[in-house]
Protein backbone atom coordinates (compact mmCIF):
# COMPACT_ATOMS: atom_id res chain seq x y z
CA UNK A 1 99.38 125.20 95.97
CA UNK A 2 102.86 123.85 96.69
CA UNK A 3 105.16 125.09 99.41
CA UNK A 4 108.90 124.60 99.65
CA UNK A 5 108.44 122.89 103.01
CA UNK A 6 106.44 120.08 101.39
CA UNK A 7 107.99 120.11 97.90
CA UNK A 8 111.64 121.18 98.17
CA UNK A 9 112.96 122.60 94.88
CA UNK A 10 114.95 120.28 92.66
CA UNK A 11 113.39 117.06 93.99
CA UNK A 12 112.14 114.44 91.55
CA UNK A 13 109.61 112.30 93.39
CA UNK A 14 109.40 108.57 92.65
CA UNK A 15 105.76 107.46 92.82
CA UNK A 16 104.39 104.17 94.09
CA UNK A 17 102.73 101.62 91.82
CA UNK A 18 99.23 102.45 90.55
CA UNK A 19 98.32 98.88 91.58
CA UNK A 20 98.37 100.13 95.17
CA UNK A 21 94.94 101.66 94.48
CA UNK A 22 93.56 98.10 94.42
CA UNK A 23 95.12 97.32 97.80
CA UNK A 24 93.60 100.45 99.32
CA UNK A 25 90.18 99.71 97.78
CA UNK A 26 90.16 96.19 99.24
CA UNK A 27 91.03 97.64 102.66
CA UNK A 28 88.29 100.25 102.18
CA UNK A 29 85.70 97.63 101.19
CA UNK A 30 86.40 95.38 104.17
CA UNK A 31 86.31 98.18 106.72
CA UNK A 32 83.28 99.98 105.32
CA UNK A 33 81.23 96.86 104.65
CA UNK A 34 81.52 95.91 108.32
CA UNK A 35 80.77 99.46 109.48
CA UNK A 36 77.68 99.93 107.32
CA UNK A 37 76.35 96.47 108.26
CA UNK A 38 76.72 97.16 112.00
CA UNK A 39 75.15 100.61 111.65
CA UNK A 40 72.26 99.12 109.62
CA UNK A 41 71.35 96.60 112.33
CA UNK A 42 69.07 99.04 114.22
CA UNK A 43 67.29 99.87 110.95
CA UNK A 44 66.63 96.18 110.29
CA UNK A 45 65.35 95.67 113.85
CA UNK A 46 63.08 98.74 113.65
CA UNK A 47 61.66 97.61 110.27
CA UNK A 48 61.11 94.09 111.66
CA UNK A 49 59.17 95.54 114.58
CA UNK A 50 61.57 94.16 117.17
CA UNK A 51 62.66 97.60 118.37
CA UNK A 52 60.50 100.68 118.84
CA UNK A 53 63.48 102.97 119.38
CA UNK A 54 65.33 104.56 117.58
CA UNK A 55 62.82 106.30 115.33
CA UNK A 56 62.82 105.09 111.73
CA UNK A 57 64.31 108.34 110.39
CA UNK A 58 67.30 108.06 112.77
CA UNK A 59 67.78 104.35 112.12
CA UNK A 60 67.91 105.08 108.38
CA UNK A 61 69.99 108.28 108.58
CA UNK A 62 72.96 106.86 110.50
CA UNK A 63 73.89 104.10 107.97
CA UNK A 64 73.11 106.45 105.07
CA UNK A 65 75.53 109.07 106.38
CA UNK A 66 78.16 106.36 106.96
CA UNK A 67 77.66 105.13 103.39
CA UNK A 68 78.02 108.63 101.92
CA UNK A 69 81.21 109.21 103.96
CA UNK A 70 82.56 105.84 102.81
CA UNK A 71 81.87 106.69 99.16
CA UNK A 72 83.66 110.03 99.62
CA UNK A 73 86.72 108.22 100.98
CA UNK A 74 86.52 105.78 98.06
CA UNK A 75 86.65 108.67 95.60
CA UNK A 76 89.79 110.01 97.31
CA UNK A 77 91.78 106.75 97.23
CA UNK A 78 93.29 107.13 93.70
CA UNK A 79 94.40 110.70 94.45
CA UNK A 80 95.86 109.67 97.83
CA UNK A 81 97.90 106.95 96.16
CA UNK A 82 99.20 109.40 93.53
CA UNK A 83 100.29 111.73 96.35
CA UNK A 84 102.64 109.14 97.88
CA UNK A 85 106.24 109.60 96.78
CA UNK A 86 109.84 109.22 97.85
CA UNK A 87 113.16 110.71 96.85
CA UNK A 88 116.68 109.52 97.62
CA UNK A 89 119.09 112.33 98.39
CA UNK A 90 122.76 112.25 99.36
CA UNK A 91 122.17 112.32 103.13
CA UNK A 92 118.55 111.32 103.63
CA UNK A 93 115.41 109.78 102.21
CA UNK A 94 112.34 111.98 101.73
CA UNK A 95 108.86 110.50 101.94
CA UNK A 96 105.81 112.54 100.92
CA UNK A 97 102.14 111.71 101.63
CA UNK A 98 98.76 113.38 101.84
CA UNK A 99 96.32 115.50 99.88
CA UNK A 100 94.64 117.77 102.40
CA UNK A 101 97.12 117.26 105.21
CA UNK A 102 100.42 116.95 103.38
CA UNK A 103 103.47 115.56 105.10
CA UNK A 104 107.10 115.22 104.09
CA UNK A 105 109.42 113.13 106.26
CA UNK A 106 113.21 113.29 105.96
CA UNK A 107 114.94 110.22 107.39
CA UNK A 108 118.74 110.64 107.60
CA UNK A 109 120.58 107.50 106.50
CA UNK A 110 122.76 107.62 109.63
CA UNK A 111 119.66 107.37 111.87
CA UNK A 112 118.27 104.21 110.25
CA UNK A 113 118.62 101.15 112.45
CA UNK A 114 117.01 98.70 110.07
CA UNK A 115 114.81 98.57 107.01
CA UNK A 116 111.87 96.19 106.95
CA UNK A 117 109.66 94.96 104.10
CA UNK A 118 106.10 93.82 104.78
CA UNK A 119 103.68 92.16 102.39
CA UNK A 120 99.97 91.52 102.96
CA UNK A 121 97.92 88.99 101.00
CA UNK A 122 96.52 91.52 98.52
CA UNK A 123 99.94 93.17 98.06
CA UNK A 124 101.53 89.74 97.49
CA UNK A 125 98.97 88.93 94.80
CA UNK A 126 99.77 92.20 93.01
CA UNK A 127 103.56 91.93 93.41
CA UNK A 128 103.78 94.90 95.81
CA UNK A 129 105.34 95.49 99.22
CA UNK A 130 105.59 98.10 101.99
CA UNK A 131 109.02 99.36 103.01
CA UNK A 132 109.32 100.45 106.66
CA UNK A 133 112.21 102.46 108.06
CA UNK A 134 113.05 102.05 111.74
CA UNK A 135 115.08 104.60 113.67
CA UNK A 136 115.95 105.02 117.35
CA UNK A 137 112.87 107.20 117.77
CA UNK A 138 109.70 105.17 118.34
CA UNK A 139 107.68 108.07 116.95
CA UNK A 140 109.14 107.69 113.47
CA UNK A 141 106.47 106.31 111.17
CA UNK A 142 108.37 106.27 107.92
CA UNK A 143 107.02 103.82 105.41
CA UNK A 144 106.56 103.62 101.66
CA UNK A 145 103.58 101.45 100.72
CA UNK A 146 102.78 100.16 97.24
CA UNK A 147 106.31 99.55 95.97
CA UNK A 148 106.87 96.90 93.31
CA UNK A 149 108.60 93.97 95.03
CA UNK A 150 111.83 94.35 93.03
CA UNK A 151 112.02 98.09 93.79
CA UNK A 152 111.33 97.41 97.48
CA UNK A 153 114.17 94.88 97.64
CA UNK A 154 116.55 97.23 95.81
CA UNK A 155 115.62 100.14 98.06
CA UNK A 156 116.00 98.01 101.21
CA UNK A 157 119.51 96.95 100.24
CA UNK A 158 120.57 100.43 99.18
CA UNK A 159 119.17 102.12 102.29
CA UNK A 160 120.71 99.51 104.59
CA UNK A 161 124.10 99.99 102.90
CA UNK A 162 123.88 103.78 103.13
CA UNK A 163 122.81 103.55 106.78
CA UNK A 164 125.77 101.30 107.65
CA UNK A 165 128.16 103.62 105.82
CA UNK A 166 126.86 106.65 107.74
CA UNK A 167 127.03 104.84 111.09
CA UNK A 168 130.62 103.77 110.36
CA UNK A 169 131.49 107.41 109.67
CA UNK A 170 132.45 106.87 106.04
């Protein structure tokens, strides 16, 4: 179900690269591997006879539940990436994210102080980048991850130029 608050009429959303799924899966794997290993430590110690507490059923249930939750998040990653989009309008940039908890951010060009591009090692290997918009408000968390590097550079230059024009009152 779409609402006009999240999907304004007449907007054509630009989507991020499908390669961003790989970036998110690598992040998922690193975080969840560490979590499941730490949560499995009591199970290993109980099976080795080093610990008498927790009971075996609890020592096995905790990492199993963590693993099931991790696999659920893994299944959501492709859909989450497809939900990320942006649209350039005359006066602002719209950024849309989320599946269950959808969010649309409108960043007026005149409020942009600077536009930043960040690249992690996995993104660099796939030719992707993350564009971050900085405004006077520290609470603004406007970013577009998973952009192809050329599109990120183009967008950075265009947004910076539009922001300067708005600040100059043109």
